[in-house]
Amino acid sequence: MSYEIVYGKQFIKTKNYILPIVLMGSNNCTMYYNGKEIRERDWTLLSNNLFGLTEEQLKERIQKDWIEKTTYDEFFKCNGKWVNSKGLTDFINTGIKKALTIEEIYKSTGYITQCSLSVWENHNNHQELNEYIKDNESFEQWIVKAQERYNNKKESESIYYCISWNTIKPLKAYNTDIKGKILVKYGNEYLTSLNSHTFEKDKSKAVVFDSIEKAKEHFKDWGWSNFRFVKFNAKERKPKEKNFVIQYISNYGKSFMKKHTRNSIYHTTCIDGIKQRFETKEKAQEFIDTILKSFRVEDCKVVDIREYAKEN
C-alpha cells in the first residue's frame, strides 16, 4: 500500500494568500542522504490544487474536496499516525497560525525559497519560471506569473507548482519580528542553563534573553538556526502557588506526607521538607480519598501551610 508521509510543514503567507508547504514523501520510495538510504522526502505543496488560495478558500477547499469526499478518512501519515478529518483540520489551522512570510523564513533560517513550474507534455518535462526568491514582493509577482501560465496551459500539458527549500529537514523558522524578551526553544524544551546548555520542558525555569539578537550572539558558535525563539510572557512565568499539604498519624506521631510513589509514602515532621503540595484544598482532599486510603494511614487532613506557619 502506497501512502504519503509528512515530516514537517511551513506554510507561507502573503498579503492575499496562504500556501500549505510540507516536507513530504512516499513510503514506497527511498533516497540516499549522508550515505544512508532513507524514505524520500522533499518540500512541496500539500496538493497542487491548494495553490493561490486565501485563508478562507484554503479551509473551504480542504473541507469540501478532502474531508467531505473521503472514503477511508486517512489522508497521510504524520508523527507515525494517520491523519483523519479532525487531524487534517487541526493540521491546516495550526499551519495557518504559524505561517510566515518569505522574508521571515529567509531571515530566520538563511534558506532562499526555490520556485518553479514543472511542465509535462507527452512524457517530456521541463522547468519554467525558475526563480530563487527571498523577499515578499518578488514572491507575490511570481505567484501572479505562475497562475497566469497555469490558466493558459495547453490541453496536452500538465503543470505543477514547485516551492521548496534546499533541505530535507524541518525548517524551524520563526517570526523575526518578535520584540522584547524571548526564550530559546529546541523541540519541546526550553534553555534553562547558559553554562551547561541544559534544555528542560519546564518553561518557568527558562533563561530569558533581552532580544533575539542577544540570543543569537550567545549561540553564534552553536548554529543558532537550529533553535527557535518564542516571546517571553511574564504572566506564564509566574508559578502556581501550592499551599496545601496532607497531615496524618504515622509511627512518629503527627507527620506530613513528604512525597509518595506507587507503593510507598514518605513522612516528614518538618513542613519545609514537603515536596508534594497541592494548589487547592479540594485537590488535596481528592488525593486523600482516592490514593491515601489504600495506604491505611489514620486521621488524614488537609493543612494550609500559611495558617500552619502562623500558629507555629
Protein backbone atom coordinates (compact mmCIF):
# COMPACT_ATOMS: atom_id res chain seq x y z
CA MET A 1 0.00 0.00 0.00
CA SER A 2 1.40 3.36 -1.03
CA TYR A 3 0.78 6.46 1.06
CA GLU A 4 2.35 9.83 1.83
CA ILE A 5 4.26 10.69 4.98
CA VAL A 6 4.52 14.30 6.18
CA TYR A 7 7.73 15.04 8.12
CA GLY A 8 7.29 18.77 8.64
CA LYS A 9 5.38 21.83 7.48
CA GLN A 10 5.95 25.52 6.91
CA PHE A 11 3.01 27.42 5.50
CA ILE A 12 3.83 30.63 3.62
CA LYS A 13 1.68 33.72 3.96
CA THR A 14 1.48 36.67 1.61
CA LYS A 15 -0.76 39.70 1.63
CA ASN A 16 -3.54 37.70 -0.02
CA TYR A 17 -2.68 34.01 0.13
CA ILE A 18 -1.74 31.05 2.33
CA LEU A 19 0.37 28.32 0.73
CA PRO A 20 0.47 24.98 2.61
CA ILE A 21 4.06 23.81 2.07
CA VAL A 22 5.01 20.46 3.63
CA LEU A 23 8.03 18.18 3.86
CA MET A 24 6.53 15.03 2.39
CA GLY A 25 7.37 11.80 0.56
CA SER A 26 6.07 8.36 -0.36
CA ASN A 27 6.51 5.38 1.93
CA ASN A 28 7.47 3.25 -1.09
CA CYS A 29 10.35 5.35 -2.42
CA THR A 30 13.80 5.87 -0.95
CA MET A 31 16.75 8.23 -1.40
CA TYR A 32 20.33 8.40 -0.17
CA TYR A 33 21.20 11.04 2.39
CA ASN A 34 24.62 11.28 4.06
CA GLY A 35 25.42 7.81 2.78
CA LYS A 36 22.26 6.25 4.23
CA GLU A 37 19.16 5.03 2.45
CA ILE A 38 16.06 6.76 3.83
CA ARG A 39 12.49 7.26 2.66
CA GLU A 40 12.28 10.02 0.09
CA ARG A 41 11.04 13.44 1.10
CA ASP A 42 11.08 16.96 -0.22
CA TRP A 43 9.38 20.29 0.34
CA THR A 44 6.26 20.68 -1.79
CA LEU A 45 2.70 21.96 -1.85
CA LEU A 46 0.36 19.69 0.10
CA SER A 47 -1.62 19.47 -3.14
CA ASN A 48 -1.35 21.25 -6.48
CA ASN A 49 -4.97 22.46 -6.25
CA LEU A 50 -4.22 24.32 -2.99
CA PHE A 51 -2.12 27.00 -4.72
CA GLY A 52 -3.09 30.67 -4.70
CA LEU A 53 -5.91 30.48 -2.15
CA THR A 54 -6.90 32.86 0.62
CA GLU A 55 -7.12 31.54 4.17
CA GLU A 56 -10.88 31.05 3.92
CA GLN A 57 -10.64 29.46 0.46
CA LEU A 58 -7.99 27.03 1.72
CA LYS A 59 -10.18 25.93 4.64
CA GLU A 60 -13.20 25.62 2.36
CA ARG A 61 -11.38 23.52 -0.22
CA ILE A 62 -9.96 21.21 2.44
CA GLN A 63 -13.47 20.71 3.81
CA LYS A 64 -15.29 20.20 0.50
CA ASP A 65 -12.67 18.46 -1.65
CA TRP A 66 -10.90 16.45 1.04
CA ILE A 67 -12.95 15.84 4.17
CA GLU A 68 -16.42 15.59 2.62
CA LYS A 69 -15.22 13.33 -0.20
CA THR A 70 -13.01 10.99 1.82
CA THR A 71 -13.79 7.27 1.86
CA TYR A 72 -11.30 5.94 4.40
CA ASP A 73 -10.71 9.13 6.43
CA GLU A 74 -6.94 8.61 6.20
CA PHE A 75 -5.17 11.38 4.28
CA PHE A 76 -1.49 10.91 5.11
CA LYS A 77 0.72 9.86 7.99
CA CYS A 78 2.36 12.36 10.33
CA ASN A 79 4.30 11.61 13.53
CA GLY A 80 3.67 7.90 12.97
CA LYS A 81 -0.13 8.23 12.90
CA TRP A 82 -2.79 8.50 10.24
CA VAL A 83 -4.24 11.98 9.92
CA ASN A 84 -8.03 11.80 9.81
CA SER A 85 -10.59 14.55 9.18
CA LYS A 86 -10.23 16.13 12.59
CA GLY A 87 -6.46 15.82 12.44
CA LEU A 88 -6.40 17.42 8.98
CA THR A 89 -8.46 20.37 10.20
CA ASP A 90 -6.07 20.86 13.13
CA PHE A 91 -3.09 20.44 10.78
CA ILE A 92 -4.34 23.21 8.48
CA ASN A 93 -5.37 25.56 11.30
CA THR A 94 -2.00 25.19 13.04
CA GLY A 95 -0.16 25.72 9.78
CA ILE A 96 -2.12 28.92 9.12
CA LYS A 97 -1.50 30.19 12.64
CA LYS A 98 2.26 29.64 12.32
CA ALA A 99 2.57 30.72 8.69
CA LEU A 100 5.49 33.03 7.88
CA THR A 101 6.40 35.30 5.01
CA ILE A 102 9.19 34.55 2.56
CA GLU A 103 11.32 37.22 4.22
CA GLU A 104 10.78 35.81 7.72
CA ILE A 105 11.78 32.35 6.54
CA TYR A 106 14.92 33.71 4.86
CA LYS A 107 15.92 35.89 7.82
CA SER A 108 15.39 33.15 10.40
CA THR A 109 16.88 30.19 8.54
CA GLY A 110 19.01 31.57 5.71
CA TYR A 111 17.18 29.38 3.17
CA ILE A 112 16.17 31.05 -0.09
CA THR A 113 12.81 29.85 -1.45
CA GLN A 114 13.08 28.00 -4.76
CA CYS A 115 10.07 28.47 -7.04
CA SER A 116 9.34 26.97 -10.45
CA LEU A 117 6.73 25.29 -12.62
CA SER A 118 7.21 21.66 -13.64
CA VAL A 119 5.65 21.33 -17.10
CA TRP A 120 4.85 17.89 -18.56
CA GLU A 121 3.81 17.27 -22.17
CA ASN A 122 3.85 13.92 -23.96
CA HIS A 123 6.10 12.41 -21.26
CA ASN A 124 8.58 15.27 -21.67
CA ASN A 125 9.34 17.54 -18.75
CA HIS A 126 10.92 20.95 -18.40
CA GLN A 127 11.02 23.75 -15.82
CA GLU A 128 9.61 27.24 -16.27
CA LEU A 129 9.63 30.40 -14.13
CA ASN A 130 12.56 29.03 -12.17
CA GLU A 131 13.45 31.69 -9.57
CA TYR A 132 15.24 31.94 -6.21
CA ILE A 133 13.22 34.28 -4.02
CA LYS A 134 13.92 35.85 -0.63
CA ASP A 135 11.53 38.79 -0.40
CA ASN A 136 7.75 39.13 -0.31
CA GLU A 137 7.37 41.44 -3.30
CA SER A 138 9.21 39.09 -5.66
CA PHE A 139 7.17 36.15 -4.39
CA GLU A 140 3.86 37.94 -4.99
CA GLN A 141 4.99 38.67 -8.55
CA TRP A 142 5.97 35.04 -9.11
CA ILE A 143 2.56 33.82 -7.88
CA VAL A 144 0.79 36.04 -10.42
CA LYS A 145 3.02 34.81 -13.26
CA ALA A 146 2.64 31.17 -12.20
CA GLN A 147 -1.16 31.37 -12.03
CA GLU A 148 -1.31 33.06 -15.43
CA ARG A 149 0.86 30.35 -17.01
CA TYR A 150 -1.23 27.60 -15.41
CA ASN A 151 -4.52 29.12 -16.52
CA ASN A 152 -3.26 29.33 -20.12
CA LYS A 153 -1.74 25.85 -20.38
CA LYS A 154 -2.44 23.67 -23.40
CA GLU A 155 -4.77 20.69 -23.12
CA SER A 156 -1.80 18.36 -23.58
CA GLU A 157 0.13 19.96 -20.70
CA SER A 158 0.15 19.16 -17.01
CA ILE A 159 1.66 21.85 -14.79
CA TYR A 160 2.74 21.51 -11.16
CA TYR A 161 3.71 24.32 -8.80
CA CYS A 162 7.09 23.73 -7.13
CA ILE A 163 8.01 25.64 -3.97
CA SER A 164 10.81 24.32 -1.80
CA TRP A 165 13.97 24.92 0.20
CA ASN A 166 17.36 23.27 -0.19
CA THR A 167 16.99 20.91 2.74
CA ILE A 168 15.15 17.72 3.63
CA LYS A 169 14.83 18.67 7.28
CA PRO A 170 12.16 20.74 9.07
CA LEU A 171 12.98 24.44 8.67
CA LYS A 172 12.49 25.53 12.29
CA ALA A 173 11.70 29.00 11.00
CA TYR A 174 10.38 31.62 13.41
CA ASN A 175 8.88 35.09 13.45
CA THR A 176 11.78 37.53 13.20
CA ASP A 177 9.60 40.46 14.28
CA ILE A 178 9.38 39.34 17.91
CA LYS A 179 10.23 42.37 20.02
CA GLY A 180 11.45 42.38 23.59
CA LYS A 181 12.43 39.46 25.77
CA ILE A 182 12.47 35.93 24.36
CA LEU A 183 13.07 32.29 25.32
CA VAL A 184 15.14 29.75 23.37
CA LYS A 185 13.36 26.54 22.44
CA TYR A 186 14.64 23.27 20.98
CA GLY A 187 11.92 20.76 20.18
CA ASN A 188 9.55 20.85 23.16
CA GLU A 189 12.17 22.00 25.66
CA TYR A 190 13.49 25.40 26.77
CA LEU A 191 17.03 26.51 27.51
CA THR A 192 17.38 26.55 31.31
CA SER A 193 21.14 26.94 31.77
CA LEU A 194 23.66 29.10 29.92
CA ASN A 195 26.68 27.31 31.35
CA SER A 196 25.69 23.71 30.66
CA HIS A 197 23.25 24.47 27.83
CA THR A 198 20.59 22.37 29.53
CA PHE A 199 17.12 22.15 28.00
CA GLU A 200 14.02 21.24 30.03
CA LYS A 201 10.26 21.16 29.45
CA ASP A 202 9.58 23.39 32.47
CA LYS A 203 9.02 26.80 30.89
CA SER A 204 9.18 28.60 34.23
CA LYS A 205 12.90 27.72 34.52
CA ALA A 206 13.82 29.03 31.07
CA VAL A 207 16.62 31.56 30.57
CA VAL A 208 15.25 34.93 29.44
CA PHE A 209 17.15 36.91 26.78
CA ASP A 210 16.59 40.61 26.25
CA SER A 211 16.22 40.14 22.48
CA ILE A 212 16.63 37.67 19.63
CA GLU A 213 19.92 39.37 18.77
CA LYS A 214 21.27 38.67 22.28
CA ALA A 215 20.30 35.01 21.98
CA LYS A 216 21.90 34.70 18.54
CA GLU A 217 25.10 36.21 19.89
CA HIS A 218 25.24 33.60 22.64
CA PHE A 219 24.70 30.75 20.15
CA LYS A 220 26.77 32.11 17.28
CA ASP A 221 29.21 29.20 17.56
CA TRP A 222 26.43 26.66 18.02
CA GLY A 223 24.48 27.29 14.83
CA TRP A 224 21.62 29.26 16.32
CA SER A 225 19.32 28.47 13.37
CA ASN A 226 18.75 25.07 14.98
CA PHE A 227 16.84 26.78 17.77
CA ARG A 228 13.51 28.56 17.82
CA PHE A 229 12.77 31.79 19.64
CA VAL A 230 9.46 32.42 21.39
CA LYS A 231 8.19 35.54 23.08
CA PHE A 232 8.62 35.71 26.84
CA ASN A 233 5.33 36.07 28.69
CA ALA A 234 5.80 37.20 32.28
CA LYS A 235 2.30 36.03 33.23
CA GLU A 236 3.09 32.46 32.16
CA ARG A 237 6.34 32.63 34.09
CA LYS A 238 4.66 33.06 37.46
CA PRO A 239 4.46 29.61 39.06
CA LYS A 240 1.21 28.47 40.61
CA GLU A 241 1.17 28.57 44.38
CA LYS A 242 0.78 25.24 46.16
CA ASN A 243 -0.07 25.96 49.77
CA PHE A 244 -1.89 22.80 50.85
CA VAL A 245 -0.30 19.65 52.31
CA ILE A 246 -1.53 16.46 53.95
CA GLN A 247 -1.10 15.66 57.60
CA TYR A 248 -1.78 12.29 59.27
CA ILE A 249 -0.68 9.97 62.08
CA SER A 250 2.44 7.89 61.43
CA ASN A 251 4.80 5.88 63.64
CA TYR A 252 6.39 9.21 64.55
CA GLY A 253 3.13 10.80 65.60
CA LYS A 254 1.76 13.74 63.64
CA SER A 255 3.52 13.78 60.31
CA PHE A 256 3.23 15.29 56.86
CA MET A 257 3.34 13.42 53.59
CA LYS A 258 6.67 14.39 52.05
CA LYS A 259 6.08 12.54 48.76
CA HIS A 260 4.63 9.31 47.51
CA THR A 261 5.41 6.62 44.95
CA ARG A 262 3.24 3.83 43.61
CA ASN A 263 3.94 1.57 46.59
CA SER A 264 5.14 3.86 49.36
CA ILE A 265 4.56 7.15 51.10
CA TYR A 266 7.34 9.10 52.80
CA HIS A 267 6.91 11.05 56.04
CA THR A 268 8.42 14.19 57.41
CA THR A 269 7.82 16.16 60.57
CA CYS A 270 9.25 19.34 59.04
CA ILE A 271 6.87 21.32 56.90
CA ASP A 272 9.75 22.87 54.95
CA GLY A 273 10.77 19.45 53.59
CA ILE A 274 7.46 18.69 51.89
CA LYS A 275 7.79 18.13 48.16
CA GLN A 276 4.23 17.10 47.38
CA ARG A 277 1.94 20.12 47.72
CA PHE A 278 -1.43 20.96 46.21
CA GLU A 279 -2.88 24.07 44.59
CA THR A 280 -6.26 23.79 46.33
CA LYS A 281 -7.77 22.20 49.40
CA GLU A 282 -10.13 20.24 47.15
CA LYS A 283 -7.29 18.65 45.19
CA ALA A 284 -5.55 17.61 48.41
CA GLN A 285 -8.77 16.09 49.75
CA GLU A 286 -9.31 14.22 46.49
CA PHE A 287 -5.81 12.76 46.84
CA ILE A 288 -6.70 11.57 50.36
CA ASP A 289 -9.95 9.98 49.17
CA THR A 290 -8.53 8.25 46.11
CA ILE A 291 -4.88 7.48 46.84
CA LEU A 292 -4.06 7.59 50.54
CA LYS A 293 -6.95 5.35 51.59
CA SER A 294 -5.05 2.36 50.17
CA PHE A 295 -2.08 3.08 52.47
CA ARG A 296 -4.24 2.83 55.63
CA VAL A 297 -2.96 5.99 57.24
CA GLU A 298 -5.06 7.49 60.03
CA ASP A 299 -6.53 10.92 60.77
CA CYS A 300 -5.71 12.42 57.39
CA LYS A 301 -6.47 16.09 56.98
CA VAL A 302 -5.55 18.96 54.71
CA VAL A 303 -3.35 21.69 56.16
CA ASP A 304 -2.86 25.20 54.80
CA ILE A 305 0.86 25.85 55.30
CA ARG A 306 0.25 29.59 55.54
CA GLU A 307 -2.03 29.12 58.54
CA TYR A 308 0.23 26.45 59.99
CA ALA A 309 3.20 28.86 59.86
CA LYS A 310 1.27 31.50 61.80
CA GLU A 311 0.28 29.03 64.52
CA ASN A 312 3.73 27.54 64.92
